[in-house]
């Protein structure tokens, strides 16, 4: 994942989605597989970011602090214009849930 400042800048142009993933957690692996197998979005809808929590824990902590969202793993956050407008974690992470959120008015 790129740095937090890059993500904040990108979020001013389009929705950004962060997937926070622990490579040591079976639940996180399951959520990642569910997203990858059913992914139907293109980058015109939102820009995806992948965050390896084991390698970049300090960045994960900075994201939690910056957006005021409690750290979870796995976790999805949608950022628009520098603000977290949607978050989901654990078994609630799915492509249908993201589609519903996107089509339910997440656009800025």
PDB file of N, CA and C in Angstrom:
ATOM      1  N   UNK A   1       0.842  -1.181   0.000  1.00  0.00           N
ATOM      2  CA  UNK A   1       0.000   0.000   0.000  1.00  0.00           C
ATOM      3  C   UNK A   1       0.878   1.232   0.000  1.00  0.00           C
ATOM      4  N   UNK A   2       0.461   2.227  -0.712  1.00  0.00           N
ATOM      5  CA  UNK A   2       1.175   3.496  -0.741  1.00  0.00           C
ATOM      6  C   UNK A   2       1.033   4.185   0.609  1.00  0.00           C
ATOM      7  N   UNK A   3       1.721   5.273   0.779  1.00  0.00           N
ATOM      8  CA  UNK A   3       1.660   6.006   2.033  1.00  0.00           C
ATOM      9  C   UNK A   3       0.306   6.649   2.270  1.00  0.00           C
ATOM     10  N   UNK A   4       0.078   6.990   3.506  1.00  0.00           N
ATOM     11  CA  UNK A   4      -1.194   7.589   3.906  1.00  0.00           C
ATOM     12  C   UNK A   4      -1.442   8.909   3.183  1.00  0.00           C
ATOM     13  N   UNK A   5      -0.405   9.713   3.002  1.00  0.00           N
ATOM     14  CA  UNK A   5      -0.588  11.005   2.324  1.00  0.00           C
ATOM     15  C   UNK A   5      -1.029  10.815   0.875  1.00  0.00           C
ATOM     16  N   UNK A   6      -0.465   9.796   0.208  1.00  0.00           N
ATOM     17  CA  UNK A   6      -0.873   9.510  -1.172  1.00  0.00           C
ATOM     18  C   UNK A   6      -2.337   9.094  -1.220  1.00  0.00           C
ATOM     19  N   UNK A   7      -2.747   8.261  -0.276  1.00  0.00           N
ATOM     20  CA  UNK A   7      -4.137   7.825  -0.216  1.00  0.00           C
ATOM     21  C   UNK A   7      -5.068   9.011   0.024  1.00  0.00           C
ATOM     22  N   UNK A   8      -4.705   9.887   0.930  1.00  0.00           N
ATOM     23  CA  UNK A   8      -5.539  11.055   1.213  1.00  0.00           C
ATOM     24  C   UNK A   8      -5.697  11.925  -0.028  1.00  0.00           C
ATOM     25  N   UNK A   9      -4.602  12.111  -0.764  1.00  0.00           N
ATOM     26  CA  UNK A   9      -4.669  12.903  -1.995  1.00  0.00           C
ATOM     27  C   UNK A   9      -5.549  12.210  -3.032  1.00  0.00           C
ATOM     28  N   UNK A  10      -5.376  10.909  -3.203  1.00  0.00           N
ATOM     29  CA  UNK A  10      -6.180  10.155  -4.176  1.00  0.00           C
ATOM     30  C   UNK A  10      -7.661  10.198  -3.818  1.00  0.00           C
ATOM     31  N   UNK A  11      -7.968  10.213  -2.518  1.00  0.00           N
ATOM     32  CA  UNK A  11      -9.373  10.190  -2.083  1.00  0.00           C
ATOM     33  C   UNK A  11     -10.110  11.483  -2.407  1.00  0.00           C
ATOM     34  N   UNK A  12      -9.378  12.514  -2.789  1.00  0.00           N
ATOM     35  CA  UNK A  12     -10.018  13.766  -3.204  1.00  0.00           C
ATOM     36  C   UNK A  12     -10.535  13.662  -4.640  1.00  0.00           C
ATOM     37  N   UNK A  13      -9.997  12.698  -5.393  1.00  0.00           N
ATOM     38  CA  UNK A  13     -10.382  12.506  -6.788  1.00  0.00           C
ATOM     39  C   UNK A  13     -11.394  11.379  -6.977  1.00  0.00           C
ATOM     40  N   UNK A  14     -11.273  10.324  -6.157  1.00  0.00           N
ATOM     41  CA  UNK A  14     -12.184   9.189  -6.275  1.00  0.00           C
ATOM     42  C   UNK A  14     -12.205   8.421  -4.958  1.00  0.00           C
ATOM     43  N   UNK A  15     -13.214   7.574  -4.804  1.00  0.00           N
ATOM     44  CA  UNK A  15     -13.291   6.731  -3.617  1.00  0.00           C
ATOM     45  C   UNK A  15     -12.080   5.811  -3.561  1.00  0.00           C
ATOM     46  N   UNK A  16     -11.560   5.598  -2.366  1.00  0.00           N
ATOM     47  CA  UNK A  16     -10.446   4.679  -2.151  1.00  0.00           C
ATOM     48  C   UNK A  16     -10.891   3.623  -1.146  1.00  0.00           C
ATOM     49  N   UNK A  17     -10.527   2.367  -1.409  1.00  0.00           N
ATOM     50  CA  UNK A  17     -10.864   1.282  -0.506  1.00  0.00           C
ATOM     51  C   UNK A  17      -9.584   0.658   0.019  1.00  0.00           C
ATOM     52  N   UNK A  18      -9.464   0.562   1.339  1.00  0.00           N
ATOM     53  CA  UNK A  18      -8.320  -0.078   1.977  1.00  0.00           C
ATOM     54  C   UNK A  18      -8.770  -1.444   2.481  1.00  0.00           C
ATOM     55  N   UNK A  19      -8.036  -2.483   2.102  1.00  0.00           N
ATOM     56  CA  UNK A  19      -8.255  -3.810   2.677  1.00  0.00           C
ATOM     57  C   UNK A  19      -7.083  -4.094   3.599  1.00  0.00           C
ATOM     58  N   UNK A  20      -7.359  -4.158   4.899  1.00  0.00           N
ATOM     59  CA  UNK A  20      -6.339  -4.442   5.911  1.00  0.00           C
ATOM     60  C   UNK A  20      -6.350  -5.944   6.186  1.00  0.00           C
ATOM     61  N   UNK A  21      -5.193  -6.583   5.934  1.00  0.00           N
ATOM     62  CA  UNK A  21      -5.103  -8.043   5.937  1.00  0.00           C
ATOM     63  C   UNK A  21      -3.949  -8.518   6.809  1.00  0.00           C
ATOM     64  N   UNK A  22      -4.229  -9.485   7.666  1.00  0.00           N
ATOM     65  CA  UNK A  22      -3.181 -10.140   8.450  1.00  0.00           C
ATOM     66  C   UNK A  22      -2.842 -11.461   7.776  1.00  0.00           C
ATOM     67  N   UNK A  23      -1.586 -11.614   7.382  1.00  0.00           N
ATOM     68  CA  UNK A  23      -1.157 -12.844   6.716  1.00  0.00           C
ATOM     69  C   UNK A  23      -1.080 -14.021   7.680  1.00  0.00           C
ATOM     70  N   UNK A  24      -1.285 -13.785   8.968  1.00  0.00           N
ATOM     71  CA  UNK A  24      -1.245 -14.849   9.976  1.00  0.00           C
ATOM     72  C   UNK A  24      -2.621 -15.274  10.474  1.00  0.00           C
ATOM     73  N   UNK A  25      -3.658 -14.675   9.942  1.00  0.00           N
ATOM     74  CA  UNK A  25      -5.014 -14.910  10.459  1.00  0.00           C
ATOM     75  C   UNK A  25      -5.860 -15.667   9.431  1.00  0.00           C
ATOM     76  N   UNK A  26      -6.383 -16.845   9.787  1.00  0.00           N
ATOM     77  CA  UNK A  26      -7.224 -17.598   8.853  1.00  0.00           C
ATOM     78  C   UNK A  26      -8.486 -16.840   8.430  1.00  0.00           C
ATOM     79  N   UNK A  27      -9.088 -16.097   9.335  1.00  0.00           N
ATOM     80  CA  UNK A  27     -10.279 -15.321   8.999  1.00  0.00           C
ATOM     81  C   UNK A  27      -9.942 -14.243   7.969  1.00  0.00           C
ATOM     82  N   UNK A  28      -8.792 -13.621   8.133  1.00  0.00           N
ATOM     83  CA  UNK A  28      -8.348 -12.613   7.181  1.00  0.00           C
ATOM     84  C   UNK A  28      -8.097 -13.239   5.807  1.00  0.00           C
ATOM     85  N   UNK A  29      -7.503 -14.431   5.794  1.00  0.00           N
ATOM     86  CA  UNK A  29      -7.266 -15.138   4.528  1.00  0.00           C
ATOM     87  C   UNK A  29      -8.587 -15.462   3.837  1.00  0.00           C
ATOM     88  N   UNK A  30      -9.586 -15.848   4.616  1.00  0.00           N
ATOM     89  CA  UNK A  30     -10.897 -16.155   4.058  1.00  0.00           C
ATOM     90  C   UNK A  30     -11.538 -14.898   3.458  1.00  0.00           C
ATOM     91  N   UNK A  31     -11.458 -13.778   4.160  1.00  0.00           N
ATOM     92  CA  UNK A  31     -12.028 -12.530   3.648  1.00  0.00           C
ATOM     93  C   UNK A  31     -11.322 -12.106   2.361  1.00  0.00           C
ATOM     94  N   UNK A  32     -10.014 -12.250   2.329  1.00  0.00           N
ATOM     95  CA  UNK A  32      -9.238 -11.905   1.126  1.00  0.00           C
ATOM     96  C   UNK A  32      -9.665 -12.776  -0.046  1.00  0.00           C
ATOM     97  N   UNK A  33      -9.805 -14.060   0.176  1.00  0.00           N
ATOM     98  CA  UNK A  33     -10.235 -14.981  -0.879  1.00  0.00           C
ATOM     99  C   UNK A  33     -11.643 -14.628  -1.365  1.00  0.00           C
ATOM    100  N   UNK A  34     -12.539 -14.293  -0.454  1.00  0.00           N
ATOM    101  CA  UNK A  34     -13.907 -13.915  -0.838  1.00  0.00           C
ATOM    102  C   UNK A  34     -13.906 -12.670  -1.713  1.00  0.00           C
ATOM    103  N   UNK A  35     -13.075 -11.692  -1.364  1.00  0.00           N
ATOM    104  CA  UNK A  35     -12.991 -10.477  -2.178  1.00  0.00           C
ATOM    105  C   UNK A  35     -12.384 -10.779  -3.544  1.00  0.00           C
ATOM    106  N   UNK A  36     -11.276 -11.511  -3.555  1.00  0.00           N
ATOM    107  CA  UNK A  36     -10.586 -11.788  -4.818  1.00  0.00           C
ATOM    108  C   UNK A  36     -11.439 -12.625  -5.770  1.00  0.00           C
ATOM    109  N   UNK A  37     -12.153 -13.596  -5.252  1.00  0.00           N
ATOM    110  CA  UNK A  37     -12.914 -14.496  -6.123  1.00  0.00           C
ATOM    111  C   UNK A  37     -14.158 -13.846  -6.719  1.00  0.00           C
ATOM    112  N   UNK A  38     -14.681 -12.829  -6.068  1.00  0.00           N
ATOM    113  CA  UNK A  38     -15.918 -12.198  -6.539  1.00  0.00           C
ATOM    114  C   UNK A  38     -15.730 -10.743  -6.969  1.00  0.00           C
ATOM    115  N   UNK A  39     -14.481 -10.254  -6.982  1.00  0.00           N
ATOM    116  CA  UNK A  39     -14.214  -8.841  -7.281  1.00  0.00           C
ATOM    117  C   UNK A  39     -14.790  -8.481  -8.640  1.00  0.00           C
ATOM    118  N   UNK A  40     -15.625  -7.460  -8.681  1.00  0.00           N
ATOM    119  CA  UNK A  40     -16.289  -7.061  -9.923  1.00  0.00           C
ATOM    120  C   UNK A  40     -16.150  -5.565 -10.193  1.00  0.00           C
ATOM    121  N   UNK A  41     -15.272  -4.912  -9.463  1.00  0.00           N
ATOM    122  CA  UNK A  41     -15.121  -3.465  -9.580  1.00  0.00           C
ATOM    123  C   UNK A  41     -13.948  -3.130 -10.493  1.00  0.00           C
ATOM    124  N   UNK A  42     -14.002  -1.945 -11.082  1.00  0.00           N
ATOM    125  CA  UNK A  42     -12.827  -1.459 -11.782  1.00  0.00           C
ATOM    126  C   UNK A  42     -12.382  -0.162 -11.109  1.00  0.00           C
ATOM    127  N   UNK A  43     -11.218   0.303 -11.493  1.00  0.00           N
ATOM    128  CA  UNK A  43     -10.652   1.456 -10.795  1.00  0.00           C
ATOM    129  C   UNK A  43     -11.399   2.752 -11.067  1.00  0.00           C
ATOM    130  N   UNK A  44     -12.375   2.751 -11.986  1.00  0.00           N
ATOM    131  CA  UNK A  44     -13.180   3.957 -12.163  1.00  0.00           C
ATOM    132  C   UNK A  44     -14.205   4.088 -11.039  1.00  0.00           C
ATOM    133  N   UNK A  45     -14.521   2.971 -10.367  1.00  0.00           N
ATOM    134  CA  UNK A  45     -15.470   3.011  -9.257  1.00  0.00           C
ATOM    135  C   UNK A  45     -14.778   3.397  -7.957  1.00  0.00           C
ATOM    136  N   UNK A  46     -13.637   2.782  -7.693  1.00  0.00           N
ATOM    137  CA  UNK A  46     -12.806   3.156  -6.561  1.00  0.00           C
ATOM    138  C   UNK A  46     -11.435   2.547  -6.710  1.00  0.00           C
ATOM    139  N   UNK A  47     -10.519   3.145  -6.016  1.00  0.00           N
ATOM    140  CA  UNK A  47      -9.129   2.704  -6.093  1.00  0.00           C
ATOM    141  C   UNK A  47      -8.834   1.795  -4.903  1.00  0.00           C
ATOM    142  N   UNK A  48      -8.467   0.538  -5.160  1.00  0.00           N
ATOM    143  CA  UNK A  48      -8.193  -0.376  -4.047  1.00  0.00           C
ATOM    144  C   UNK A  48      -6.759  -0.264  -3.529  1.00  0.00           C
ATOM    145  N   UNK A  49      -6.611  -0.411  -2.226  1.00  0.00           N
ATOM    146  CA  UNK A  49      -5.304  -0.468  -1.562  1.00  0.00           C
ATOM    147  C   UNK A  49      -5.287  -1.714  -0.684  1.00  0.00           C
ATOM    148  N   UNK A  50      -4.169  -2.410  -0.688  1.00  0.00           N
ATOM    149  CA  UNK A  50      -3.974  -3.602   0.136  1.00  0.00           C
ATOM    150  C   UNK A  50      -2.939  -3.269   1.204  1.00  0.00           C
ATOM    151  N   UNK A  51      -3.253  -3.558   2.457  1.00  0.00           N
ATOM    152  CA  UNK A  51      -2.333  -3.286   3.560  1.00  0.00           C
ATOM    153  C   UNK A  51      -2.027  -4.572   4.310  1.00  0.00           C
ATOM    154  N   UNK A  52      -0.776  -5.008   4.247  1.00  0.00           N
ATOM    155  CA  UNK A  52      -0.286  -6.168   4.991  1.00  0.00           C
ATOM    156  C   UNK A  52      -0.016  -5.704   6.422  1.00  0.00           C
ATOM    157  N   UNK A  53      -0.866  -6.129   7.342  1.00  0.00           N
ATOM    158  CA  UNK A  53      -0.776  -5.656   8.727  1.00  0.00           C
ATOM    159  C   UNK A  53       0.481  -6.122   9.445  1.00  0.00           C
ATOM    160  N   UNK A  54       1.005  -7.270   9.071  1.00  0.00           N
ATOM    161  CA  UNK A  54       2.205  -7.775   9.733  1.00  0.00           C
ATOM    162  C   UNK A  54       3.406  -6.913   9.365  1.00  0.00           C
ATOM    163  N   UNK A  55       3.526  -6.579   8.099  1.00  0.00           N
ATOM    164  CA  UNK A  55       4.667  -5.781   7.637  1.00  0.00           C
ATOM    165  C   UNK A  55       4.513  -4.296   7.933  1.00  0.00           C
ATOM    166  N   UNK A  56       3.292  -3.800   7.979  1.00  0.00           N
ATOM    167  CA  UNK A  56       3.070  -2.358   8.091  1.00  0.00           C
ATOM    168  C   UNK A  56       2.104  -2.014   9.222  1.00  0.00           C
ATOM    169  N   UNK A  57       2.349  -2.554  10.391  1.00  0.00           N
ATOM    170  CA  UNK A  57       1.461  -2.314  11.537  1.00  0.00           C
ATOM    171  C   UNK A  57       1.401  -0.835  11.915  1.00  0.00           C
ATOM    172  N   UNK A  58       2.527  -0.135  11.814  1.00  0.00           N
ATOM    173  CA  UNK A  58       2.521   1.286  12.176  1.00  0.00           C
ATOM    174  C   UNK A  58       1.628   2.087  11.225  1.00  0.00           C
ATOM    175  N   UNK A  59       1.595   1.713   9.950  1.00  0.00           N
ATOM    176  CA  UNK A  59       0.703   2.383   9.003  1.00  0.00           C
ATOM    177  C   UNK A  59      -0.756   2.076   9.342  1.00  0.00           C
ATOM    178  N   UNK A  60      -1.032   0.846   9.718  1.00  0.00           N
ATOM    179  CA  UNK A  60      -2.383   0.478  10.137  1.00  0.00           C
ATOM    180  C   UNK A  60      -2.818   1.297  11.346  1.00  0.00           C
ATOM    181  N   UNK A  61      -1.914   1.455  12.298  1.00  0.00           N
ATOM    182  CA  UNK A  61      -2.222   2.269  13.480  1.00  0.00           C
ATOM    183  C   UNK A  61      -2.475   3.723  13.096  1.00  0.00           C
ATOM    184  N   UNK A  62      -1.687   4.249  12.160  1.00  0.00           N
ATOM    185  CA  UNK A  62      -1.871   5.631  11.704  1.00  0.00           C
ATOM    186  C   UNK A  62      -3.223   5.794  11.014  1.00  0.00           C
ATOM    187  N   UNK A  63      -3.628   4.791  10.251  1.00  0.00           N
ATOM    188  CA  UNK A  63      -4.929   4.825   9.575  1.00  0.00           C
ATOM    189  C   UNK A  63      -6.056   4.827  10.605  1.00  0.00           C
ATOM    190  N   UNK A  64      -5.961   3.964  11.601  1.00  0.00           N
ATOM    191  CA  UNK A  64      -6.987   3.911  12.654  1.00  0.00           C
ATOM    192  C   UNK A  64      -7.103   5.259  13.357  1.00  0.00           C
ATOM    193  N   UNK A  65      -5.964   5.844  13.670  1.00  0.00           N
ATOM    194  CA  UNK A  65      -5.969   7.141  14.361  1.00  0.00           C
ATOM    195  C   UNK A  65      -6.490   8.250  13.454  1.00  0.00           C
ATOM    196  N   UNK A  66      -6.038   8.289  12.218  1.00  0.00           N
ATOM    197  CA  UNK A  66      -6.410   9.364  11.293  1.00  0.00           C
ATOM    198  C   UNK A  66      -7.908   9.364  10.998  1.00  0.00           C
ATOM    199  N   UNK A  67      -8.487   8.165  10.828  1.00  0.00           N
ATOM    200  CA  UNK A  67      -9.893   8.080  10.440  1.00  0.00           C
ATOM    201  C   UNK A  67     -10.835   7.803  11.604  1.00  0.00           C
ATOM    202  N   UNK A  68     -10.296   7.613  12.795  1.00  0.00           N
ATOM    203  CA  UNK A  68     -11.137   7.392  13.964  1.00  0.00           C
ATOM    204  C   UNK A  68     -11.902   6.083  13.922  1.00  0.00           C
ATOM    205  N   UNK A  69     -11.309   5.074  13.296  1.00  0.00           N
ATOM    206  CA  UNK A  69     -11.942   3.763  13.174  1.00  0.00           C
ATOM    207  C   UNK A  69     -11.087   2.754  13.927  1.00  0.00           C
ATOM    208  N   UNK A  70     -11.688   2.050  14.860  1.00  0.00           N
ATOM    209  CA  UNK A  70     -10.966   1.054  15.648  1.00  0.00           C
ATOM    210  C   UNK A  70     -10.335   0.005  14.740  1.00  0.00           C
ATOM    211  N   UNK A  71      -9.091  -0.335  14.996  1.00  0.00           N
ATOM    212  CA  UNK A  71      -8.387  -1.345  14.204  1.00  0.00           C
ATOM    213  C   UNK A  71      -9.053  -2.706  14.347  1.00  0.00           C
ATOM    214  N   UNK A  72      -9.283  -3.353  13.219  1.00  0.00           N
ATOM    215  CA  UNK A  72      -9.775  -4.726  13.164  1.00  0.00           C
ATOM    216  C   UNK A  72      -8.969  -5.450  12.092  1.00  0.00           C
ATOM    217  N   UNK A  73      -9.026  -6.749  12.110  1.00  0.00           N
ATOM    218  CA  UNK A  73      -8.366  -7.537  11.073  1.00  0.00           C
ATOM    219  C   UNK A  73      -9.158  -8.820  10.855  1.00  0.00           C
ATOM    220  N   UNK A  74      -9.599  -8.999   9.633  1.00  0.00           N
ATOM    221  CA  UNK A  74      -9.471  -8.133   8.466  1.00  0.00           C
ATOM    222  C   UNK A  74     -10.444  -6.953   8.558  1.00  0.00           C
ATOM    223  N   UNK A  75     -10.188  -5.956   7.722  1.00  0.00           N
ATOM    224  CA  UNK A  75     -11.023  -4.750   7.753  1.00  0.00           C
ATOM    225  C   UNK A  75     -10.994  -4.075   6.387  1.00  0.00           C
ATOM    226  N   UNK A  76     -12.122  -3.493   6.018  1.00  0.00           N
ATOM    227  CA  UNK A  76     -12.235  -2.687   4.809  1.00  0.00           C
ATOM    228  C   UNK A  76     -12.676  -1.295   5.225  1.00  0.00           C
ATOM    229  N   UNK A  77     -12.008  -0.284   4.673  1.00  0.00           N
ATOM    230  CA  UNK A  77     -12.406   1.104   4.885  1.00  0.00           C
ATOM    231  C   UNK A  77     -12.553   1.767   3.525  1.00  0.00           C
ATOM    232  N   UNK A  78     -13.572   2.589   3.356  1.00  0.00           N
ATOM    233  CA  UNK A  78     -13.743   3.370   2.138  1.00  0.00           C
ATOM    234  C   UNK A  78     -13.533   4.830   2.516  1.00  0.00           C
ATOM    235  N   UNK A  79     -12.630   5.469   1.769  1.00  0.00           N
ATOM    236  CA  UNK A  79     -12.226   6.835   2.068  1.00  0.00           C
ATOM    237  C   UNK A  79     -12.666   7.750   0.934  1.00  0.00           C
ATOM    238  N   UNK A  80     -13.291   8.860   1.283  1.00  0.00           N
ATOM    239  CA  UNK A  80     -13.695   9.873   0.317  1.00  0.00           C
ATOM    240  C   UNK A  80     -13.300  11.238   0.847  1.00  0.00           C
ATOM    241  N   UNK A  81     -12.550  11.969   0.053  1.00  0.00           N
ATOM    242  CA  UNK A  81     -12.135  13.329   0.412  1.00  0.00           C
ATOM    243  C   UNK A  81     -11.519  13.385   1.812  1.00  0.00           C
ATOM    244  N   UNK A  82     -10.688  12.383   2.116  1.00  0.00           N
ATOM    245  CA  UNK A  82      -9.972  12.361   3.388  1.00  0.00           C
ATOM    246  C   UNK A  82     -10.767  11.879   4.585  1.00  0.00           C
ATOM    247  N   UNK A  83     -11.986  11.358   4.356  1.00  0.00           N
ATOM    248  CA  UNK A  83     -12.857  10.922   5.445  1.00  0.00           C
ATOM    249  C   UNK A  83     -13.258   9.462   5.221  1.00  0.00           C
ATOM    250  N   UNK A  84     -13.257   8.667   6.291  1.00  0.00           N
ATOM    251  CA  UNK A  84     -13.742   7.291   6.198  1.00  0.00           C
ATOM    252  C   UNK A  84     -15.268   7.333   6.206  1.00  0.00           C
ATOM    253  N   UNK A  85     -15.863   6.882   5.102  1.00  0.00           N
ATOM    254  CA  UNK A  85     -17.319   6.939   4.983  1.00  0.00           C
ATOM    255  C   UNK A  85     -17.971   5.565   5.105  1.00  0.00           C
ATOM    256  N   UNK A  86     -17.150   4.513   5.202  1.00  0.00           N
ATOM    257  CA  UNK A  86     -17.669   3.153   5.348  1.00  0.00           C
ATOM    258  C   UNK A  86     -16.562   2.284   5.909  1.00  0.00           C
ATOM    259  N   UNK A  87     -16.918   1.403   6.845  1.00  0.00           N
ATOM    260  CA  UNK A  87     -15.957   0.401   7.290  1.00  0.00           C
ATOM    261  C   UNK A  87     -16.699  -0.884   7.617  1.00  0.00           C
ATOM    262  N   UNK A  88     -15.976  -1.963   7.466  1.00  0.00           N
ATOM    263  CA  UNK A  88     -16.528  -3.285   7.698  1.00  0.00           C
ATOM    264  C   UNK A  88     -15.391  -4.182   8.147  1.00  0.00           C
ATOM    265  N   UNK A  89     -15.720  -5.211   8.916  1.00  0.00           N
ATOM    266  CA  UNK A  89     -14.655  -6.101   9.372  1.00  0.00           C
ATOM    267  C   UNK A  89     -15.154  -7.537   9.466  1.00  0.00           C
ATOM    268  N   UNK A  90     -14.201  -8.419   9.585  1.00  0.00           N
ATOM    269  CA  UNK A  90     -14.424  -9.845   9.787  1.00  0.00           C
ATOM    270  C   UNK A  90     -15.363 -10.436   8.735  1.00  0.00           C
ATOM    271  N   UNK A  91     -16.371 -11.164   9.149  1.00  0.00           N
ATOM    272  CA  UNK A  91     -17.253 -11.858   8.213  1.00  0.00           C
ATOM    273  C   UNK A  91     -18.210 -10.929   7.471  1.00  0.00           C
ATOM    274  N   UNK A  92     -18.292  -9.674   7.870  1.00  0.00           N
ATOM    275  CA  UNK A  92     -19.146  -8.719   7.161  1.00  0.00           C
ATOM    276  C   UNK A  92     -18.504  -8.238   5.858  1.00  0.00           C
ATOM    277  N   UNK A  93     -17.236  -8.562   5.642  1.00  0.00           N
ATOM    278  CA  UNK A  93     -16.540  -8.150   4.421  1.00  0.00           C
ATOM    279  C   UNK A  93     -16.950  -9.075   3.281  1.00  0.00           C
ATOM    280  N   UNK A  94     -17.523  -8.483   2.235  1.00  0.00           N
ATOM    281  CA  UNK A  94     -17.893  -9.261   1.052  1.00  0.00           C
ATOM    282  C   UNK A  94     -18.096  -8.313  -0.120  1.00  0.00           C
ATOM    283  N   UNK A  95     -17.992  -8.852  -1.320  1.00  0.00           N
ATOM    284  CA  UNK A  95     -18.254  -8.046  -2.509  1.00  0.00           C
ATOM    285  C   UNK A  95     -19.707  -7.574  -2.531  1.00  0.00           C
ATOM    286  N   UNK A  96     -20.705  -8.432  -2.238  1.00  0.00           N
ATOM    287  CA  UNK A  96     -22.082  -7.919  -2.211  1.00  0.00           C
ATOM    288  C   UNK A  96     -22.269  -6.756  -1.219  1.00  0.00           C
ATOM    289  N   UNK A  97     -21.635  -6.829  -0.060  1.00  0.00           N
ATOM    290  CA  UNK A  97     -21.752  -5.731   0.910  1.00  0.00           C
ATOM    291  C   UNK A  97     -21.119  -4.457   0.360  1.00  0.00           C
ATOM    292  N   UNK A  98     -19.976  -4.588  -0.310  1.00  0.00           N
ATOM    293  CA  UNK A  98     -19.332  -3.418  -0.913  1.00  0.00           C
ATOM    294  C   UNK A  98     -20.163  -2.863  -2.063  1.00  0.00           C
ATOM    295  N   UNK A  99     -20.758  -3.746  -2.871  1.00  0.00           N
ATOM    296  CA  UNK A  99     -21.635  -3.290  -3.956  1.00  0.00           C
ATOM    297  C   UNK A  99     -22.824  -2.523  -3.398  1.00  0.00           C
ATOM    298  N   UNK A 100     -23.420  -3.055  -2.341  1.00  0.00           N
ATOM    299  CA  UNK A 100     -24.560  -2.377  -1.718  1.00  0.00           C
ATOM    300  C   UNK A 100     -24.144  -1.018  -1.175  1.00  0.00           C
ATOM    301  N   UNK A 101     -22.994  -0.968  -0.540  1.00  0.00           N
ATOM    302  CA  UNK A 101     -22.505   0.306  -0.010  1.00  0.00           C
ATOM    303  C   UNK A 101     -22.230   1.292  -1.139  1.00  0.00           C
ATOM    304  N   UNK A 102     -21.584   0.818  -2.202  1.00  0.00           N
ATOM    305  CA  UNK A 102     -21.257   1.687  -3.328  1.00  0.00           C
ATOM    306  C   UNK A 102     -22.515   2.210  -3.999  1.00  0.00           C
ATOM    307  N   UNK A 103     -23.477   1.342  -4.240  1.00  0.00           N
ATOM    308  CA  UNK A 103     -24.698   1.748  -4.931  1.00  0.00           C
ATOM    309  C   UNK A 103     -25.714   2.375  -3.983  1.00  0.00           C
ATOM    310  N   UNK A 104     -25.439   2.297  -2.699  1.00  0.00           N
ATOM    311  CA  UNK A 104     -26.335   2.879  -1.714  1.00  0.00           C
ATOM    312  C   UNK A 104     -25.994   4.311  -1.356  1.00  0.00           C
ATOM    313  N   UNK A 105     -25.063   4.901  -2.080  1.00  0.00           N
ATOM    314  CA  UNK A 105     -24.814   6.313  -1.858  1.00  0.00           C
ATOM    315  C   UNK A 105     -23.468   6.682  -1.289  1.00  0.00           C
ATOM    316  N   UNK A 106     -22.462   5.840  -1.449  1.00  0.00           N
ATOM    317  CA  UNK A 106     -21.140   6.204  -0.943  1.00  0.00           C
ATOM    318  C   UNK A 106     -20.464   7.287  -1.755  1.00  0.00           C
ATOM    319  N   UNK A 107     -20.966   7.548  -2.923  1.00  0.00           N
ATOM    320  CA  UNK A 107     -20.303   8.564  -3.751  1.00  0.00           C
ATOM    321  C   UNK A 107     -20.367   9.916  -3.049  1.00  0.00           C
ATOM    322  N   UNK A 108     -19.246  10.652  -3.120  1.00  0.00           N
ATOM    323  CA  UNK A 108     -19.221  11.965  -2.443  1.00  0.00           C
ATOM    324  C   UNK A 108     -20.175  12.954  -3.081  1.00  0.00           C
TER     325      UNK A 108
END
